[in-house]
Amino acid sequence: MRRQGNPNWGKPPVPAPFLPTGFEQQVENLGLRPGEYQNSPELRNWCRRNANQHYVPEYLLKLWEIEIDDSWGPTSGNMLLTQRH
């Protein structure tokens, strides 16, 4: 007889693996420490190019005056149009 239900019921959840953000990967590739972020032209250029696709700390966005596209994401007009039935 086959048992029904969730075989993992009552077991502790398996922790998800830690995956660094794109920003954290770039910082590691450049060999930067937190105090060096604001003075790195390479990181600044990367953030300007990728701020709409990757997490960038808000203080750096403000410091470097990087504007992000507010219409990006699931609430954009294009997404709303494609979800109509």
C-alpha atoms as a PDB file:
ATOM      1  CA  MET A   1       0.000   0.000   0.000  1.00  0.00           C
ATOM      2  CA  ARG A   2       1.314   3.411  -0.967  1.00  0.00           C
ATOM      3  CA  ARG A   3       1.521   6.065   1.739  1.00  0.00           C
ATOM      4  CA  GLN A   4      -0.037   9.432   1.050  1.00  0.00           C
ATOM      5  CA  GLY A   5       1.080  12.822   2.219  1.00  0.00           C
ATOM      6  CA  ASN A   6       4.372  14.621   2.537  1.00  0.00           C
ATOM      7  CA  PRO A   7       7.198  12.204   3.437  1.00  0.00           C
ATOM      8  CA  ASN A   8       9.174  15.115   4.919  1.00  0.00           C
ATOM      9  CA  TRP A   9       6.422  16.139   7.340  1.00  0.00           C
ATOM     10  CA  GLY A  10       7.881  16.806  10.774  1.00  0.00           C
ATOM     11  CA  LYS A  11      11.479  16.819   9.594  1.00  0.00           C
ATOM     12  CA  PRO A  12      13.502  20.028   9.922  1.00  0.00           C
ATOM     13  CA  PRO A  13      13.869  21.957   6.648  1.00  0.00           C
ATOM     14  CA  VAL A  14      17.123  21.624   4.764  1.00  0.00           C
ATOM     15  CA  PRO A  15      18.865  25.010   4.813  1.00  0.00           C
ATOM     16  CA  ALA A  16      19.236  26.680   1.445  1.00  0.00           C
ATOM     17  CA  PRO A  17      22.826  27.160   0.297  1.00  0.00           C
ATOM     18  CA  PHE A  18      24.289  30.654   0.577  1.00  0.00           C
ATOM     19  CA  LEU A  19      24.666  32.218  -2.848  1.00  0.00           C
ATOM     20  CA  PRO A  20      26.456  35.562  -3.111  1.00  0.00           C
ATOM     21  CA  THR A  21      24.724  38.384  -4.968  1.00  0.00           C
ATOM     22  CA  GLY A  22      26.136  39.697  -8.240  1.00  0.00           C
ATOM     23  CA  PHE A  23      27.403  42.723  -6.348  1.00  0.00           C
ATOM     24  CA  GLU A  24      29.220  40.527  -3.824  1.00  0.00           C
ATOM     25  CA  GLN A  25      30.759  38.480  -6.635  1.00  0.00           C
ATOM     26  CA  GLN A  26      32.002  41.643  -8.346  1.00  0.00           C
ATOM     27  CA  VAL A  27      33.463  42.978  -5.089  1.00  0.00           C
ATOM     28  CA  GLU A  28      35.285  39.673  -4.600  1.00  0.00           C
ATOM     29  CA  ASN A  29      36.563  39.674  -8.206  1.00  0.00           C
ATOM     30  CA  LEU A  30      37.954  43.169  -7.681  1.00  0.00           C
ATOM     31  CA  GLY A  31      39.430  42.242  -4.285  1.00  0.00           C
ATOM     32  CA  LEU A  32      37.715  45.127  -2.491  1.00  0.00           C
ATOM     33  CA  ARG A  33      36.884  45.596   1.173  1.00  0.00           C
ATOM     34  CA  PRO A  34      33.809  47.587   2.292  1.00  0.00           C
ATOM     35  CA  GLY A  35      35.823  50.755   2.979  1.00  0.00           C
ATOM     36  CA  GLU A  36      37.193  50.659  -0.583  1.00  0.00           C
ATOM     37  CA  TYR A  37      33.866  50.407  -2.459  1.00  0.00           C
ATOM     38  CA  GLN A  38      33.246  54.125  -2.903  1.00  0.00           C
ATOM     39  CA  ASN A  39      36.721  54.838  -4.316  1.00  0.00           C
ATOM     40  CA  SER A  40      36.700  52.060  -6.924  1.00  0.00           C
ATOM     41  CA  PRO A  41      36.037  53.283 -10.482  1.00  0.00           C
ATOM     42  CA  GLU A  42      35.681  49.666 -11.681  1.00  0.00           C
ATOM     43  CA  LEU A  43      32.951  48.929  -9.122  1.00  0.00           C
ATOM     44  CA  ARG A  44      31.229  52.224  -9.900  1.00  0.00           C
ATOM     45  CA  ASN A  45      31.118  51.387 -13.615  1.00  0.00           C
ATOM     46  CA  TRP A  46      29.817  47.894 -12.890  1.00  0.00           C
ATOM     47  CA  CYS A  47      27.090  49.339 -10.649  1.00  0.00           C
ATOM     48  CA  ARG A  48      26.062  51.888 -13.305  1.00  0.00           C
ATOM     49  CA  ARG A  49      25.689  49.099 -15.882  1.00  0.00           C
ATOM     50  CA  ASN A  50      23.994  46.564 -13.600  1.00  0.00           C
ATOM     51  CA  ALA A  51      21.954  48.490 -11.013  1.00  0.00           C
ATOM     52  CA  ASN A  52      18.657  47.392 -12.596  1.00  0.00           C
ATOM     53  CA  GLN A  53      19.608  43.705 -12.722  1.00  0.00           C
ATOM     54  CA  HIS A  54      21.609  43.205  -9.518  1.00  0.00           C
ATOM     55  CA  TYR A  55      21.465  44.347  -5.920  1.00  0.00           C
ATOM     56  CA  VAL A  56      23.584  47.440  -5.250  1.00  0.00           C
ATOM     57  CA  PRO A  57      23.689  48.923  -1.732  1.00  0.00           C
ATOM     58  CA  GLU A  58      21.472  51.990  -1.530  1.00  0.00           C
ATOM     59  CA  TYR A  59      24.199  54.187  -0.046  1.00  0.00           C
ATOM     60  CA  LEU A  60      26.343  53.603  -3.154  1.00  0.00           C
ATOM     61  CA  LEU A  61      23.430  54.392  -5.479  1.00  0.00           C
ATOM     62  CA  LYS A  62      22.961  57.703  -3.644  1.00  0.00           C
ATOM     63  CA  LEU A  63      26.680  58.460  -3.415  1.00  0.00           C
ATOM     64  CA  TRP A  64      27.254  57.855  -7.131  1.00  0.00           C
ATOM     65  CA  GLU A  65      23.864  59.331  -8.133  1.00  0.00           C
ATOM     66  CA  ILE A  66      22.862  56.170  -9.974  1.00  0.00           C
ATOM     67  CA  GLU A  67      19.222  56.167 -11.014  1.00  0.00           C
ATOM     68  CA  ILE A  68      17.400  52.870 -11.251  1.00  0.00           C
ATOM     69  CA  ASP A  69      14.461  52.142 -13.521  1.00  0.00           C
ATOM     70  CA  ASP A  70      11.408  52.049 -11.234  1.00  0.00           C
ATOM     71  CA  SER A  71       9.325  50.311 -13.887  1.00  0.00           C
ATOM     72  CA  TRP A  72      11.602  47.245 -13.789  1.00  0.00           C
ATOM     73  CA  GLY A  73      10.050  44.201 -12.174  1.00  0.00           C
ATOM     74  CA  PRO A  74       6.703  42.455 -11.969  1.00  0.00           C
ATOM     75  CA  THR A  75       4.689  45.673 -11.600  1.00  0.00           C
ATOM     76  CA  SER A  76       5.787  47.144 -14.919  1.00  0.00           C
ATOM     77  CA  GLY A  77       3.160  47.985 -17.508  1.00  0.00           C
ATOM     78  CA  ASN A  78       4.343  45.258 -19.874  1.00  0.00           C
ATOM     79  CA  MET A  79       3.866  42.546 -17.264  1.00  0.00           C
ATOM     80  CA  LEU A  80       0.388  43.792 -16.441  1.00  0.00           C
ATOM     81  CA  LEU A  81      -0.579  43.740 -20.109  1.00  0.00           C
ATOM     82  CA  THR A  82       0.639  40.175 -20.622  1.00  0.00           C
ATOM     83  CA  GLN A  83      -1.281  38.904 -17.596  1.00  0.00           C
ATOM     84  CA  ARG A  84      -4.707  40.008 -18.854  1.00  0.00           C
ATOM     85  CA  HIS A  85      -7.050  37.256 -19.978  1.00  0.00           C
END
